[in-house]
Amino acid sequence: DAPRAPAAAAPASCSRLIVKNLPRNCDEKRLRAHFSIDGAEVTDVRVMRTKQGTSRMFGFVGFKSSEQADRAREYFSRSFIDTKRIQVEEARRVGDDGLDRPWSRHSKGSSA
């Protein structure tokens, strides 16, 4: 058997995108349909919701490869769903040093 790379090794680029500023009525099916327009293979979609089930107006879209994710980010960034201009960025893990500091007084590390 060929040796495997360590689990901690991260790929150079991410195949998952975060989509911000979604319309409140946007669900997983609609988000998948929107990001499939460019011909990319969407593997998974998730719209984040509160405990009550209302949209938090952001979600995640996964692609088969990081190249497809990069193309989708460039193509859909600053595009519109209904009248909402969406922001599309590379998704990062919680606690990543590249993330902005939290602004909520309820978040650890916040300046509020």
Protein backbone atom coordinates (compact mmCIF):
# COMPACT_ATOMS: atom_id res chain seq x y z
CA ASP A 1 0.00 0.00 0.00
CA ALA A 2 1.12 3.56 -0.71
CA PRO A 3 1.80 5.74 2.34
CA ARG A 4 -0.95 8.22 3.17
CA ALA A 5 -0.51 11.92 3.81
CA PRO A 6 -1.01 12.97 7.44
CA ALA A 7 -4.55 13.98 8.33
CA ALA A 8 -3.36 17.45 9.37
CA ALA A 9 -2.10 18.25 5.87
CA ALA A 10 -4.47 20.80 4.31
CA PRO A 11 -4.99 21.24 0.58
CA ALA A 12 -3.53 24.34 -1.05
CA SER A 13 -7.00 25.55 -1.94
CA CYS A 14 -10.46 24.87 -0.54
CA SER A 15 -13.35 23.26 -2.41
CA ARG A 16 -15.96 24.82 -0.09
CA LEU A 17 -17.31 28.36 -0.31
CA ILE A 18 -19.21 30.53 2.16
CA VAL A 19 -22.04 32.56 0.65
CA LYS A 20 -23.06 35.63 2.66
CA ASN A 21 -26.07 37.98 2.43
CA LEU A 22 -28.56 35.36 1.20
CA PRO A 23 -32.26 36.28 0.94
CA ARG A 24 -34.26 35.02 3.92
CA ASN A 25 -36.35 32.73 1.71
CA CYS A 26 -33.33 31.03 0.07
CA ASP A 27 -33.18 27.32 0.89
CA GLU A 28 -30.69 24.56 0.05
CA LYS A 29 -32.46 23.56 -3.16
CA ARG A 30 -32.43 27.10 -4.52
CA LEU A 31 -28.80 27.71 -3.51
CA ARG A 32 -27.72 24.46 -5.21
CA ALA A 33 -29.61 25.44 -8.39
CA HIS A 34 -28.01 28.92 -8.39
CA PHE A 35 -24.45 27.58 -8.09
CA SER A 36 -25.02 24.78 -10.62
CA ILE A 37 -25.72 27.28 -13.44
CA ASP A 38 -22.04 27.56 -14.39
CA GLY A 39 -21.78 23.79 -14.93
CA ALA A 40 -19.80 23.09 -11.76
CA GLU A 41 -20.41 19.88 -9.80
CA VAL A 42 -21.94 20.93 -6.47
CA THR A 43 -21.40 18.20 -3.87
CA ASP A 44 -23.20 19.67 -0.87
CA VAL A 45 -25.14 22.77 0.20
CA ARG A 46 -26.16 24.05 3.62
CA VAL A 47 -28.04 27.19 4.63
CA MET A 48 -27.37 28.04 8.27
CA ARG A 49 -30.44 28.47 10.48
CA THR A 50 -31.26 29.57 14.02
CA LYS A 51 -32.75 27.15 16.57
CA GLN A 52 -36.15 28.49 15.55
CA GLY A 53 -35.48 27.55 11.90
CA THR A 54 -35.13 31.02 10.40
CA SER A 55 -32.29 31.67 7.98
CA ARG A 56 -29.11 33.30 9.30
CA MET A 57 -28.66 34.57 5.72
CA PHE A 58 -25.46 32.70 4.96
CA GLY A 59 -24.60 29.22 3.81
CA PHE A 60 -21.95 26.89 2.44
CA VAL A 61 -21.54 25.32 -1.01
CA GLY A 62 -19.13 22.43 -1.63
CA PHE A 63 -17.64 21.55 -5.02
CA LYS A 64 -15.98 18.44 -6.41
CA SER A 65 -12.62 20.23 -6.82
CA SER A 66 -10.89 23.37 -5.63
CA GLU A 67 -10.59 24.53 -9.25
CA GLN A 68 -14.39 24.44 -9.62
CA ALA A 69 -14.75 26.34 -6.33
CA ASP A 70 -12.28 29.02 -7.49
CA ARG A 71 -14.17 29.43 -10.79
CA ALA A 72 -17.51 29.64 -8.97
CA ARG A 73 -16.12 32.20 -6.50
CA GLU A 74 -14.93 34.42 -9.35
CA TYR A 75 -18.13 33.95 -11.37
CA PHE A 76 -20.69 34.44 -8.57
CA SER A 77 -18.93 36.95 -6.30
CA ARG A 78 -20.99 40.16 -6.12
CA SER A 79 -23.82 38.57 -8.15
CA PHE A 80 -27.47 38.72 -7.13
CA ILE A 81 -30.05 36.29 -5.79
CA ASP A 82 -33.34 38.17 -6.03
CA THR A 83 -32.41 41.70 -4.97
CA LYS A 84 -29.64 40.66 -2.55
CA ARG A 85 -26.01 41.03 -3.67
CA ILE A 86 -24.21 37.97 -2.35
CA GLN A 87 -20.62 37.73 -1.17
CA VAL A 88 -18.79 34.54 -2.05
CA GLU A 89 -15.54 33.68 -0.25
CA GLU A 90 -13.40 30.65 0.50
CA ALA A 91 -14.73 28.92 3.61
CA ARG A 92 -12.33 28.70 6.56
CA ARG A 93 -12.33 26.65 9.73
CA VAL A 94 -13.51 28.15 13.01
CA GLY A 95 -10.52 29.65 14.80
CA ASP A 96 -8.52 30.23 11.59
CA ASP A 97 -5.96 33.03 12.06
CA GLY A 98 -7.11 34.63 8.79
CA LEU A 99 -10.65 35.25 10.07
CA ASP A 100 -11.76 38.68 11.23
CA ARG A 101 -12.21 39.16 14.96
CA PRO A 102 -15.77 38.49 16.14
CA TRP A 103 -17.86 41.60 16.69
CA SER A 104 -20.60 40.14 18.91
CA ARG A 105 -20.35 40.60 22.67
CA HIS A 106 -21.41 36.96 22.96
CA SER A 107 -18.38 35.67 21.01
CA LYS A 108 -15.10 34.67 22.59
CA GLY A 109 -12.32 37.10 21.59
CA SER A 110 -14.74 39.91 20.79
CA SER A 111 -13.83 43.54 21.25
CA ALA A 112 -17.45 44.50 22.13
